[in-house]
């Protein structure tokens, strides 16, 4: 995040580089930097002749170099943006000849998503001398809720912890999807308001009471009534609550519970760090540890593997998905 802020700040201050190579597993920041350059380096009246967007699947590296070597028309600079540049991965190293002798009046932006160039090779070294190589790293899922809070705060909103975690549980670590959903909410809600779990439920369609987050909590507390309510809801709404996702999250929970049992220091911060979870969830693990000793946890992990096989049709005799889940939760709790 600090690297992104610096890139944008430098551009605002007139420190504009001739090449921006934006690469990595997380496309969100690649898109954001590229969009900022597309909107802000040239004046609107200059863009018609001096700004072009190319796509990696439609051009060759030679085409990119030819366009980059052009001189701007009635403007100080031209901007050439290459989207989906990862489609040129087999030949991208050829760009090193241009990077070693750039056209100073061109701003060349390459969006190289989901991949990285080899830092030992000529292209990386050449760009690094004259331009910016930015690597956009994927956030771990336990980091995404904090990212949501920062994004929301930057747009003069606040968000409940549970609301942020609901988004993460439903959308995973896909920052672009989460950002899109937040943008929709911010159109509806007044500035400076707090986004609540109710807002998420009403406007995005994620149930605040019937989700894997609440199921995990209910099972951890051995709350039979709530667990049954949730799994019955899941059985009726299988498309939005796939069994494979529920089994995966429960497996992660109980695997982490094994680690929790082995910790000598069970302070909130140490547990969060050791398990790689948001501190908000530490109480869930503390409560579950009282209800599920280590031996029982090991048995539950075996039950989860068995349910996973059944969900894939192995040894289930065509048992309905809802029944597999009900049987699983009954065996875990009892």
C-alpha atoms as a PDB file:
ATOM      1  CA  UNK A   1       0.000   0.000   0.000  1.00  0.00           C
ATOM      2  CA  UNK A   2       2.829   2.438   0.841  1.00  0.00           C
ATOM      3  CA  UNK A   3       4.459   1.692  -2.543  1.00  0.00           C
ATOM      4  CA  UNK A   4       1.219   2.567  -4.319  1.00  0.00           C
ATOM      5  CA  UNK A   5       0.903   5.803  -2.348  1.00  0.00           C
ATOM      6  CA  UNK A   6       4.481   6.749  -3.274  1.00  0.00           C
ATOM      7  CA  UNK A   7       3.956   6.069  -6.983  1.00  0.00           C
ATOM      8  CA  UNK A   8       0.816   8.241  -7.030  1.00  0.00           C
ATOM      9  CA  UNK A   9       2.457  10.945  -4.908  1.00  0.00           C
ATOM     10  CA  UNK A  10       5.509  11.105  -7.201  1.00  0.00           C
ATOM     11  CA  UNK A  11       3.281  11.467 -10.269  1.00  0.00           C
ATOM     12  CA  UNK A  12       1.304  14.254  -8.577  1.00  0.00           C
ATOM     13  CA  UNK A  13       4.595  16.022  -7.828  1.00  0.00           C
ATOM     14  CA  UNK A  14       5.720  15.801 -11.456  1.00  0.00           C
ATOM     15  CA  UNK A  15       8.194  12.941 -10.971  1.00  0.00           C
ATOM     16  CA  UNK A  16       6.899  10.858 -13.872  1.00  0.00           C
ATOM     17  CA  UNK A  17       8.912   7.849 -15.007  1.00  0.00           C
ATOM     18  CA  UNK A  18       9.218   6.657 -18.625  1.00  0.00           C
ATOM     19  CA  UNK A  19       8.244   3.053 -17.727  1.00  0.00           C
ATOM     20  CA  UNK A  20       5.916   1.575 -15.117  1.00  0.00           C
ATOM     21  CA  UNK A  21       6.039  -2.219 -14.990  1.00  0.00           C
ATOM     22  CA  UNK A  22       3.156  -3.349 -12.762  1.00  0.00           C
ATOM     23  CA  UNK A  23       3.268  -7.063 -11.988  1.00  0.00           C
ATOM     24  CA  UNK A  24       2.132  -9.632  -9.434  1.00  0.00           C
ATOM     25  CA  UNK A  25      -0.611 -11.858  -8.109  1.00  0.00           C
ATOM     26  CA  UNK A  26      -3.002  -9.125  -6.909  1.00  0.00           C
ATOM     27  CA  UNK A  27      -4.577  -7.316  -9.907  1.00  0.00           C
ATOM     28  CA  UNK A  28      -6.381  -4.686  -7.813  1.00  0.00           C
ATOM     29  CA  UNK A  29      -3.444  -2.324  -7.315  1.00  0.00           C
ATOM     30  CA  UNK A  30      -2.164  -2.903 -10.848  1.00  0.00           C
ATOM     31  CA  UNK A  31      -5.529  -1.667 -12.132  1.00  0.00           C
ATOM     32  CA  UNK A  32      -5.612   1.262  -9.700  1.00  0.00           C
ATOM     33  CA  UNK A  33      -2.155   2.575 -10.666  1.00  0.00           C
ATOM     34  CA  UNK A  34      -2.869   2.082 -14.356  1.00  0.00           C
ATOM     35  CA  UNK A  35      -6.227   3.893 -14.068  1.00  0.00           C
ATOM     36  CA  UNK A  36      -4.610   6.770 -12.192  1.00  0.00           C
ATOM     37  CA  UNK A  37      -1.996   7.234 -14.914  1.00  0.00           C
ATOM     38  CA  UNK A  38      -4.651   6.942 -17.637  1.00  0.00           C
ATOM     39  CA  UNK A  39      -6.773   9.668 -16.035  1.00  0.00           C
ATOM     40  CA  UNK A  40      -4.184  12.093 -14.720  1.00  0.00           C
ATOM     41  CA  UNK A  41      -0.946  12.392 -16.691  1.00  0.00           C
ATOM     42  CA  UNK A  42      -2.404  13.988 -19.820  1.00  0.00           C
ATOM     43  CA  UNK A  43      -4.960  16.766 -20.049  1.00  0.00           C
ATOM     44  CA  UNK A  44      -8.247  15.692 -21.590  1.00  0.00           C
ATOM     45  CA  UNK A  45      -7.609  17.594 -24.830  1.00  0.00           C
ATOM     46  CA  UNK A  46      -4.230  15.839 -25.237  1.00  0.00           C
ATOM     47  CA  UNK A  47      -5.501  12.284 -24.921  1.00  0.00           C
ATOM     48  CA  UNK A  48      -7.002  11.890 -28.397  1.00  0.00           C
ATOM     49  CA  UNK A  49      -3.630  11.884 -30.160  1.00  0.00           C
ATOM     50  CA  UNK A  50      -1.292  11.007 -27.319  1.00  0.00           C
ATOM     51  CA  UNK A  51      -2.859   8.247 -25.230  1.00  0.00           C
ATOM     52  CA  UNK A  52      -3.411   4.701 -26.391  1.00  0.00           C
ATOM     53  CA  UNK A  53      -4.421   1.447 -24.716  1.00  0.00           C
ATOM     54  CA  UNK A  54      -3.072  -1.795 -26.165  1.00  0.00           C
ATOM     55  CA  UNK A  55      -3.799  -5.392 -25.160  1.00  0.00           C
ATOM     56  CA  UNK A  56      -1.138  -8.059 -24.852  1.00  0.00           C
ATOM     57  CA  UNK A  57      -3.141 -10.625 -26.797  1.00  0.00           C
ATOM     58  CA  UNK A  58      -3.432  -8.265 -29.816  1.00  0.00           C
ATOM     59  CA  UNK A  59       0.103  -6.894 -30.127  1.00  0.00           C
ATOM     60  CA  UNK A  60       3.722  -7.998 -30.168  1.00  0.00           C
ATOM     61  CA  UNK A  61       6.592  -6.560 -28.147  1.00  0.00           C
ATOM     62  CA  UNK A  62       7.792  -4.973 -31.410  1.00  0.00           C
ATOM     63  CA  UNK A  63       4.416  -3.199 -31.769  1.00  0.00           C
ATOM     64  CA  UNK A  64       4.738  -1.840 -28.242  1.00  0.00           C
ATOM     65  CA  UNK A  65       8.258  -0.552 -28.933  1.00  0.00           C
ATOM     66  CA  UNK A  66       7.145   1.094 -32.192  1.00  0.00           C
ATOM     67  CA  UNK A  67       4.315   2.906 -30.392  1.00  0.00           C
ATOM     68  CA  UNK A  68       6.542   3.880 -27.480  1.00  0.00           C
ATOM     69  CA  UNK A  69       9.117   5.446 -29.811  1.00  0.00           C
ATOM     70  CA  UNK A  70       6.591   7.833 -31.365  1.00  0.00           C
ATOM     71  CA  UNK A  71       6.807  11.507 -30.506  1.00  0.00           C
ATOM     72  CA  UNK A  72       3.807  13.209 -28.862  1.00  0.00           C
ATOM     73  CA  UNK A  73       1.633  15.562 -30.911  1.00  0.00           C
ATOM     74  CA  UNK A  74       1.165  19.048 -29.455  1.00  0.00           C
ATOM     75  CA  UNK A  75       1.856  17.742 -25.960  1.00  0.00           C
ATOM     76  CA  UNK A  76       4.794  17.247 -23.656  1.00  0.00           C
ATOM     77  CA  UNK A  77       4.202  13.487 -23.343  1.00  0.00           C
ATOM     78  CA  UNK A  78       2.365  10.525 -24.749  1.00  0.00           C
ATOM     79  CA  UNK A  79       1.012   7.633 -22.641  1.00  0.00           C
ATOM     80  CA  UNK A  80       1.024   4.024 -23.872  1.00  0.00           C
ATOM     81  CA  UNK A  81      -0.775   1.518 -21.617  1.00  0.00           C
ATOM     82  CA  UNK A  82      -0.465  -2.204 -22.290  1.00  0.00           C
ATOM     83  CA  UNK A  83      -3.170  -4.176 -20.482  1.00  0.00           C
ATOM     84  CA  UNK A  84      -2.960  -7.955 -20.004  1.00  0.00           C
ATOM     85  CA  UNK A  85       0.752  -7.764 -20.821  1.00  0.00           C
ATOM     86  CA  UNK A  86       1.187 -11.212 -19.247  1.00  0.00           C
ATOM     87  CA  UNK A  87      -0.068 -12.599 -22.569  1.00  0.00           C
ATOM     88  CA  UNK A  88       3.373 -11.616 -23.897  1.00  0.00           C
ATOM     89  CA  UNK A  89       5.269 -13.544 -21.222  1.00  0.00           C
ATOM     90  CA  UNK A  90       7.206 -15.623 -23.761  1.00  0.00           C
ATOM     91  CA  UNK A  91       8.620 -12.581 -25.527  1.00  0.00           C
ATOM     92  CA  UNK A  92       8.454  -9.815 -22.884  1.00  0.00           C
ATOM     93  CA  UNK A  93      12.234  -9.953 -22.327  1.00  0.00           C
ATOM     94  CA  UNK A  94      12.664  -8.403 -25.815  1.00  0.00           C
ATOM     95  CA  UNK A  95      11.446  -5.157 -24.286  1.00  0.00           C
ATOM     96  CA  UNK A  96      14.816  -4.780 -22.559  1.00  0.00           C
ATOM     97  CA  UNK A  97      16.299  -3.129 -25.666  1.00  0.00           C
ATOM     98  CA  UNK A  98      13.735  -0.316 -25.380  1.00  0.00           C
ATOM     99  CA  UNK A  99      14.138  -0.057 -21.593  1.00  0.00           C
ATOM    100  CA  UNK A 100      17.868   0.506 -22.120  1.00  0.00           C
ATOM    101  CA  UNK A 101      17.165   3.397 -24.510  1.00  0.00           C
ATOM    102  CA  UNK A 102      13.763   4.850 -23.618  1.00  0.00           C
ATOM    103  CA  UNK A 103      11.892   7.630 -25.392  1.00  0.00           C
ATOM    104  CA  UNK A 104      11.865  10.319 -22.648  1.00  0.00           C
ATOM    105  CA  UNK A 105       8.565  11.818 -23.818  1.00  0.00           C
ATOM    106  CA  UNK A 106       6.717   8.466 -23.549  1.00  0.00           C
ATOM    107  CA  UNK A 107       5.143   7.036 -20.406  1.00  0.00           C
ATOM    108  CA  UNK A 108       4.898   3.286 -21.014  1.00  0.00           C
ATOM    109  CA  UNK A 109       2.723   1.311 -18.576  1.00  0.00           C
ATOM    110  CA  UNK A 110       2.704  -2.484 -18.625  1.00  0.00           C
ATOM    111  CA  UNK A 111       0.053  -4.351 -16.622  1.00  0.00           C
ATOM    112  CA  UNK A 112       1.550  -7.797 -16.107  1.00  0.00           C
ATOM    113  CA  UNK A 113      -1.015  -9.560 -13.933  1.00  0.00           C
ATOM    114  CA  UNK A 114      -0.675 -12.828 -11.998  1.00  0.00           C
ATOM    115  CA  UNK A 115       2.978 -13.201 -13.009  1.00  0.00           C
ATOM    116  CA  UNK A 116       6.396 -11.694 -12.332  1.00  0.00           C
ATOM    117  CA  UNK A 117       9.434 -11.074 -14.493  1.00  0.00           C
ATOM    118  CA  UNK A 118      12.758 -12.586 -13.459  1.00  0.00           C
ATOM    119  CA  UNK A 119      14.674 -10.001 -11.434  1.00  0.00           C
ATOM    120  CA  UNK A 120      17.967 -11.527 -12.551  1.00  0.00           C
ATOM    121  CA  UNK A 121      17.358 -10.767 -16.232  1.00  0.00           C
ATOM    122  CA  UNK A 122      18.074  -7.710 -18.364  1.00  0.00           C
ATOM    123  CA  UNK A 123      14.488  -6.403 -18.564  1.00  0.00           C
ATOM    124  CA  UNK A 124      14.034  -6.029 -14.819  1.00  0.00           C
ATOM    125  CA  UNK A 125      17.453  -4.452 -14.376  1.00  0.00           C
ATOM    126  CA  UNK A 126      16.936  -1.996 -17.230  1.00  0.00           C
ATOM    127  CA  UNK A 127      13.472  -0.863 -16.080  1.00  0.00           C
ATOM    128  CA  UNK A 128      14.602  -0.606 -12.478  1.00  0.00           C
ATOM    129  CA  UNK A 129      17.283   1.921 -13.511  1.00  0.00           C
ATOM    130  CA  UNK A 130      14.968   4.329 -15.319  1.00  0.00           C
ATOM    131  CA  UNK A 131      11.439   3.514 -14.226  1.00  0.00           C
ATOM    132  CA  UNK A 132       9.290   1.716 -11.649  1.00  0.00           C
ATOM    133  CA  UNK A 133       8.855  -2.008 -11.157  1.00  0.00           C
ATOM    134  CA  UNK A 134       5.940  -2.550  -8.790  1.00  0.00           C
ATOM    135  CA  UNK A 135       5.030  -5.987  -7.465  1.00  0.00           C
ATOM    136  CA  UNK A 136       1.440  -6.329  -6.265  1.00  0.00           C
ATOM    137  CA  UNK A 137       1.356  -9.134  -3.707  1.00  0.00           C
ATOM    138  CA  UNK A 138      -1.741 -11.105  -2.810  1.00  0.00           C
ATOM    139  CA  UNK A 139      -3.040 -10.394   0.683  1.00  0.00           C
ATOM    140  CA  UNK A 140      -3.535 -13.283   3.082  1.00  0.00           C
ATOM    141  CA  UNK A 141      -7.195 -13.711   3.948  1.00  0.00           C
ATOM    142  CA  UNK A 142      -6.604 -12.661   7.560  1.00  0.00           C
ATOM    143  CA  UNK A 143      -5.228  -9.321   6.269  1.00  0.00           C
ATOM    144  CA  UNK A 144      -8.203  -8.455   4.064  1.00  0.00           C
ATOM    145  CA  UNK A 145     -10.571  -7.214   6.801  1.00  0.00           C
ATOM    146  CA  UNK A 146      -7.958  -4.635   7.861  1.00  0.00           C
ATOM    147  CA  UNK A 147      -7.583  -3.623   4.210  1.00  0.00           C
ATOM    148  CA  UNK A 148     -11.368  -3.162   4.000  1.00  0.00           C
ATOM    149  CA  UNK A 149     -11.279  -0.859   7.025  1.00  0.00           C
ATOM    150  CA  UNK A 150      -8.478   1.232   5.502  1.00  0.00           C
ATOM    151  CA  UNK A 151     -10.279   1.584   2.173  1.00  0.00           C
ATOM    152  CA  UNK A 152     -13.551   2.522   3.864  1.00  0.00           C
ATOM    153  CA  UNK A 153     -11.822   5.008   6.155  1.00  0.00           C
ATOM    154  CA  UNK A 154     -10.078   6.629   3.187  1.00  0.00           C
ATOM    155  CA  UNK A 155     -13.507   7.306   1.680  1.00  0.00           C
ATOM    156  CA  UNK A 156     -14.846   8.814   4.923  1.00  0.00           C
ATOM    157  CA  UNK A 157     -16.862   5.848   6.104  1.00  0.00           C
ATOM    158  CA  UNK A 158     -16.536   3.356   8.926  1.00  0.00           C
ATOM    159  CA  UNK A 159     -17.392  -0.349   9.016  1.00  0.00           C
ATOM    160  CA  UNK A 160     -18.311  -2.818  11.743  1.00  0.00           C
ATOM    161  CA  UNK A 161     -15.811  -5.620  12.262  1.00  0.00           C
ATOM    162  CA  UNK A 162     -18.492  -8.220  11.594  1.00  0.00           C
ATOM    163  CA  UNK A 163     -19.525  -6.474   8.369  1.00  0.00           C
ATOM    164  CA  UNK A 164     -15.921  -6.478   7.122  1.00  0.00           C
ATOM    165  CA  UNK A 165     -15.505 -10.144   8.005  1.00  0.00           C
ATOM    166  CA  UNK A 166     -18.764 -11.052   6.249  1.00  0.00           C
ATOM    167  CA  UNK A 167     -17.391  -9.532   3.042  1.00  0.00           C
ATOM    168  CA  UNK A 168     -14.170 -11.492   3.390  1.00  0.00           C
ATOM    169  CA  UNK A 169     -15.958 -14.749   4.144  1.00  0.00           C
ATOM    170  CA  UNK A 170     -18.269 -14.311   1.135  1.00  0.00           C
ATOM    171  CA  UNK A 171     -15.788 -12.845  -1.385  1.00  0.00           C
ATOM    172  CA  UNK A 172     -12.475 -14.208  -0.102  1.00  0.00           C
ATOM    173  CA  UNK A 173      -9.364 -12.155  -0.846  1.00  0.00           C
ATOM    174  CA  UNK A 174     -10.572 -10.791  -4.203  1.00  0.00           C
ATOM    175  CA  UNK A 175      -9.920  -7.090  -3.561  1.00  0.00           C
ATOM    176  CA  UNK A 176     -11.532  -5.950  -6.819  1.00  0.00           C
ATOM    177  CA  UNK A 177     -14.848  -7.679  -6.034  1.00  0.00           C
ATOM    178  CA  UNK A 178     -14.827  -6.384  -2.457  1.00  0.00           C
ATOM    179  CA  UNK A 179     -14.039  -2.862  -3.669  1.00  0.00           C
ATOM    180  CA  UNK A 180     -16.907  -3.006  -6.184  1.00  0.00           C
ATOM    181  CA  UNK A 181     -19.364  -4.072  -3.484  1.00  0.00           C
ATOM    182  CA  UNK A 182     -18.135  -1.316  -1.157  1.00  0.00           C
ATOM    183  CA  UNK A 183     -18.540   1.253  -3.933  1.00  0.00           C
ATOM    184  CA  UNK A 184     -22.169   0.179  -4.390  1.00  0.00           C
ATOM    185  CA  UNK A 185     -22.792   0.560  -0.655  1.00  0.00           C
ATOM    186  CA  UNK A 186     -21.211   4.005  -0.555  1.00  0.00           C
ATOM    187  CA  UNK A 187     -23.559   5.207  -3.289  1.00  0.00           C
ATOM    188  CA  UNK A 188     -26.501   4.248  -1.063  1.00  0.00           C
ATOM    189  CA  UNK A 189     -25.196   5.244   2.365  1.00  0.00           C
ATOM    190  CA  UNK A 190     -24.504   8.845   3.458  1.00  0.00           C
ATOM    191  CA  UNK A 191     -20.885   9.927   3.911  1.00  0.00           C
ATOM    192  CA  UNK A 192     -19.388   9.475   7.415  1.00  0.00           C
ATOM    193  CA  UNK A 193     -21.831   6.653   8.218  1.00  0.00           C
ATOM    194  CA  UNK A 194     -20.877   3.221   9.550  1.00  0.00           C
ATOM    195  CA  UNK A 195     -21.425   0.195   7.312  1.00  0.00           C
ATOM    196  CA  UNK A 196     -23.157  -2.473   9.391  1.00  0.00           C
ATOM    197  CA  UNK A 197     -23.831  -6.188   9.043  1.00  0.00           C
ATOM    198  CA  UNK A 198     -27.463  -5.245   8.268  1.00  0.00           C
ATOM    199  CA  UNK A 199     -26.266  -3.054   5.369  1.00  0.00           C
ATOM    200  CA  UNK A 200     -24.263  -5.967   3.978  1.00  0.00           C
ATOM    201  CA  UNK A 201     -27.241  -8.301   4.278  1.00  0.00           C
ATOM    202  CA  UNK A 202     -29.771  -5.903   2.706  1.00  0.00           C
ATOM    203  CA  UNK A 203     -27.639  -4.613  -0.153  1.00  0.00           C
ATOM    204  CA  UNK A 204     -25.187  -7.391  -1.006  1.00  0.00           C
ATOM    205  CA  UNK A 205     -27.286 -10.404  -0.096  1.00  0.00           C
ATOM    206  CA  UNK A 206     -24.985 -12.004   2.469  1.00  0.00           C
ATOM    207  CA  UNK A 207     -26.975 -13.261   5.441  1.00  0.00           C
ATOM    208  CA  UNK A 208     -25.634 -11.882   8.716  1.00  0.00           C
ATOM    209  CA  UNK A 209     -27.065 -14.810  10.685  1.00  0.00           C
ATOM    210  CA  UNK A 210     -26.745 -17.729   8.283  1.00  0.00           C
ATOM    211  CA  UNK A 211     -23.166 -17.923   7.062  1.00  0.00           C
ATOM    212  CA  UNK A 212     -20.037 -20.007   7.652  1.00  0.00           C
ATOM    213  CA  UNK A 213     -18.745 -17.451  10.120  1.00  0.00           C
ATOM    214  CA  UNK A 214     -21.820 -17.965  12.341  1.00  0.00           C
ATOM    215  CA  UNK A 215     -21.847 -21.740  11.795  1.00  0.00           C
ATOM    216  CA  UNK A 216     -18.245 -22.019  12.952  1.00  0.00           C
ATOM    217  CA  UNK A 217     -19.059 -19.958  16.023  1.00  0.00           C
ATOM    218  CA  UNK A 218     -22.162 -22.037  16.850  1.00  0.00           C
ATOM    219  CA  UNK A 219     -20.269 -25.330  16.466  1.00  0.00           C
ATOM    220  CA  UNK A 220     -17.392 -23.978  18.552  1.00  0.00           C
ATOM    221  CA  UNK A 221     -19.852 -23.139  21.339  1.00  0.00           C
ATOM    222  CA  UNK A 222     -21.616 -26.483  20.867  1.00  0.00           C
ATOM    223  CA  UNK A 223     -24.818 -24.521  20.338  1.00  0.00           C
ATOM    224  CA  UNK A 224     -27.008 -27.246  18.850  1.00  0.00           C
ATOM    225  CA  UNK A 225     -30.028 -25.000  18.168  1.00  0.00           C
ATOM    226  CA  UNK A 226     -28.108 -22.348  16.201  1.00  0.00           C
ATOM    227  CA  UNK A 227     -26.022 -24.934  14.372  1.00  0.00           C
ATOM    228  CA  UNK A 228     -29.181 -26.722  13.193  1.00  0.00           C
ATOM    229  CA  UNK A 229     -30.821 -23.467  12.118  1.00  0.00           C
ATOM    230  CA  UNK A 230     -27.812 -22.578   9.991  1.00  0.00           C
ATOM    231  CA  UNK A 231     -27.313 -25.980   8.365  1.00  0.00           C
ATOM    232  CA  UNK A 232     -31.037 -26.184   7.545  1.00  0.00           C
ATOM    233  CA  UNK A 233     -30.727 -22.776   5.872  1.00  0.00           C
ATOM    234  CA  UNK A 234     -27.646 -23.993   3.981  1.00  0.00           C
ATOM    235  CA  UNK A 235     -29.504 -27.109   2.824  1.00  0.00           C
ATOM    236  CA  UNK A 236     -32.234 -24.903   1.315  1.00  0.00           C
ATOM    237  CA  UNK A 237     -29.776 -22.422  -0.213  1.00  0.00           C
ATOM    238  CA  UNK A 238     -27.018 -24.645  -1.551  1.00  0.00           C
ATOM    239  CA  UNK A 239     -25.971 -22.358  -4.418  1.00  0.00           C
ATOM    240  CA  UNK A 240     -24.940 -19.529  -2.121  1.00  0.00           C
ATOM    241  CA  UNK A 241     -23.615 -21.913   0.554  1.00  0.00           C
ATOM    242  CA  UNK A 242     -21.704 -24.699  -1.223  1.00  0.00           C
ATOM    243  CA  UNK A 243     -20.841 -27.679   0.951  1.00  0.00           C
ATOM    244  CA  UNK A 244     -17.237 -27.777  -0.279  1.00  0.00           C
ATOM    245  CA  UNK A 245     -16.689 -24.246   1.077  1.00  0.00           C
ATOM    246  CA  UNK A 246     -18.261 -25.076   4.450  1.00  0.00           C
ATOM    247  CA  UNK A 247     -16.143 -28.216   4.838  1.00  0.00           C
ATOM    248  CA  UNK A 248     -13.000 -26.314   3.849  1.00  0.00           C
ATOM    249  CA  UNK A 249     -13.598 -23.542   6.391  1.00  0.00           C
ATOM    250  CA  UNK A 250     -14.479 -25.978   9.175  1.00  0.00           C
ATOM    251  CA  UNK A 251     -11.347 -27.970   8.372  1.00  0.00           C
ATOM    252  CA  UNK A 252      -9.246 -24.805   8.649  1.00  0.00           C
ATOM    253  CA  UNK A 253     -10.936 -23.935  11.934  1.00  0.00           C
ATOM    254  CA  UNK A 254     -10.295 -27.299  13.581  1.00  0.00           C
ATOM    255  CA  UNK A 255      -6.761 -27.548  12.183  1.00  0.00           C
ATOM    256  CA  UNK A 256      -6.049 -24.152  13.744  1.00  0.00           C
ATOM    257  CA  UNK A 257      -7.720 -25.360  16.958  1.00  0.00           C
ATOM    258  CA  UNK A 258      -5.102 -28.124  17.141  1.00  0.00           C
ATOM    259  CA  UNK A 259      -2.411 -25.451  16.964  1.00  0.00           C
ATOM    260  CA  UNK A 260      -4.246 -23.413  19.623  1.00  0.00           C
ATOM    261  CA  UNK A 261      -4.160 -26.381  21.998  1.00  0.00           C
ATOM    262  CA  UNK A 262      -0.381 -26.636  21.558  1.00  0.00           C
ATOM    263  CA  UNK A 263       0.310 -22.973  22.386  1.00  0.00           C
ATOM    264  CA  UNK A 264       1.815 -22.119  25.745  1.00  0.00           C
ATOM    265  CA  UNK A 265       1.083 -18.421  25.353  1.00  0.00           C
ATOM    266  CA  UNK A 266      -2.646 -18.063  24.715  1.00  0.00           C
ATOM    267  CA  UNK A 267      -2.754 -14.266  24.882  1.00  0.00           C
ATOM    268  CA  UNK A 268      -4.942 -12.650  22.222  1.00  0.00           C
ATOM    269  CA  UNK A 269      -2.112 -11.194  20.149  1.00  0.00           C
ATOM    270  CA  UNK A 270       0.007 -14.338  20.255  1.00  0.00           C
ATOM    271  CA  UNK A 271      -2.928 -16.566  19.254  1.00  0.00           C
ATOM    272  CA  UNK A 272      -3.824 -14.250  16.359  1.00  0.00           C
ATOM    273  CA  UNK A 273      -0.226 -14.291  15.147  1.00  0.00           C
ATOM    274  CA  UNK A 274       0.287 -18.052  15.576  1.00  0.00           C
ATOM    275  CA  UNK A 275      -2.972 -18.968  13.820  1.00  0.00           C
ATOM    276  CA  UNK A 276      -2.792 -16.227  11.192  1.00  0.00           C
ATOM    277  CA  UNK A 277      -6.264 -14.956  12.091  1.00  0.00           C
ATOM    278  CA  UNK A 278      -7.913 -11.650  12.826  1.00  0.00           C
ATOM    279  CA  UNK A 279      -7.804 -10.936  16.606  1.00  0.00           C
ATOM    280  CA  UNK A 280     -11.605 -10.608  16.439  1.00  0.00           C
ATOM    281  CA  UNK A 281     -11.831 -14.410  16.136  1.00  0.00           C
ATOM    282  CA  UNK A 282      -9.570 -15.366  19.063  1.00  0.00           C
ATOM    283  CA  UNK A 283     -12.530 -15.693  21.469  1.00  0.00           C
ATOM    284  CA  UNK A 284     -14.097 -18.264  19.122  1.00  0.00           C
ATOM    285  CA  UNK A 285     -10.998 -20.439  19.431  1.00  0.00           C
ATOM    286  CA  UNK A 286     -10.801 -20.004  23.213  1.00  0.00           C
ATOM    287  CA  UNK A 287     -14.437 -21.094  23.575  1.00  0.00           C
ATOM    288  CA  UNK A 288     -14.058 -24.003  21.152  1.00  0.00           C
ATOM    289  CA  UNK A 289     -10.936 -25.269  22.932  1.00  0.00           C
ATOM    290  CA  UNK A 290     -12.993 -25.715  26.116  1.00  0.00           C
ATOM    291  CA  UNK A 291     -15.556 -27.793  24.251  1.00  0.00           C
ATOM    292  CA  UNK A 292     -13.215 -29.801  22.025  1.00  0.00           C
ATOM    293  CA  UNK A 293     -10.075 -31.335  23.565  1.00  0.00           C
ATOM    294  CA  UNK A 294      -7.198 -32.236  21.276  1.00  0.00           C
ATOM    295  CA  UNK A 295      -8.267 -35.876  20.830  1.00  0.00           C
ATOM    296  CA  UNK A 296     -11.780 -34.844  19.799  1.00  0.00           C
ATOM    297  CA  UNK A 297     -10.366 -32.274  17.356  1.00  0.00           C
ATOM    298  CA  UNK A 298      -8.313 -35.009  15.669  1.00  0.00           C
ATOM    299  CA  UNK A 299     -11.468 -37.115  15.317  1.00  0.00           C
ATOM    300  CA  UNK A 300     -13.347 -34.149  13.842  1.00  0.00           C
ATOM    301  CA  UNK A 301     -10.677 -33.588  11.186  1.00  0.00           C
ATOM    302  CA  UNK A 302     -11.126 -37.226  10.160  1.00  0.00           C
ATOM    303  CA  UNK A 303     -14.921 -36.673   9.996  1.00  0.00           C
ATOM    304  CA  UNK A 304     -14.397 -33.633   7.768  1.00  0.00           C
ATOM    305  CA  UNK A 305     -12.255 -35.651   5.359  1.00  0.00           C
ATOM    306  CA  UNK A 306     -14.932 -38.337   5.255  1.00  0.00           C
ATOM    307  CA  UNK A 307     -17.646 -35.719   4.552  1.00  0.00           C
ATOM    308  CA  UNK A 308     -15.499 -34.194   1.809  1.00  0.00           C
ATOM    309  CA  UNK A 309     -15.281 -37.580   0.088  1.00  0.00           C
ATOM    310  CA  UNK A 310     -19.038 -38.077   0.435  1.00  0.00           C
ATOM    311  CA  UNK A 311     -19.676 -34.644  -1.076  1.00  0.00           C
ATOM    312  CA  UNK A 312     -17.715 -35.860  -4.118  1.00  0.00           C
ATOM    313  CA  UNK A 313     -19.806 -39.015  -4.372  1.00  0.00           C
ATOM    314  CA  UNK A 314     -17.372 -41.434  -2.732  1.00  0.00           C
ATOM    315  CA  UNK A 315     -19.166 -43.894  -0.466  1.00  0.00           C
ATOM    316  CA  UNK A 316     -22.213 -41.676  -0.012  1.00  0.00           C
ATOM    317  CA  UNK A 317     -24.765 -43.690  -1.993  1.00  0.00           C
ATOM    318  CA  UNK A 318     -26.051 -40.464  -3.585  1.00  0.00           C
ATOM    319  CA  UNK A 319     -26.767 -38.918  -0.178  1.00  0.00           C
ATOM    320  CA  UNK A 320     -28.179 -35.364  -0.601  1.00  0.00           C
ATOM    321  CA  UNK A 321     -25.748 -32.560   0.186  1.00  0.00           C
ATOM    322  CA  UNK A 322     -27.949 -31.261   2.997  1.00  0.00           C
ATOM    323  CA  UNK A 323     -27.971 -34.671   4.672  1.00  0.00           C
ATOM    324  CA  UNK A 324     -24.169 -34.949   4.474  1.00  0.00           C
ATOM    325  CA  UNK A 325     -23.877 -31.601   6.257  1.00  0.00           C
ATOM    326  CA  UNK A 326     -26.453 -32.482   8.919  1.00  0.00           C
ATOM    327  CA  UNK A 327     -24.742 -35.806   9.630  1.00  0.00           C
ATOM    328  CA  UNK A 328     -21.350 -34.081   9.817  1.00  0.00           C
ATOM    329  CA  UNK A 329     -22.444 -31.382  12.267  1.00  0.00           C
ATOM    330  CA  UNK A 330     -24.265 -33.923  14.452  1.00  0.00           C
ATOM    331  CA  UNK A 331     -21.101 -36.066  14.703  1.00  0.00           C
ATOM    332  CA  UNK A 332     -18.915 -33.020  15.452  1.00  0.00           C
ATOM    333  CA  UNK A 333     -21.078 -31.700  18.273  1.00  0.00           C
ATOM    334  CA  UNK A 334     -21.962 -35.038  19.906  1.00  0.00           C
END
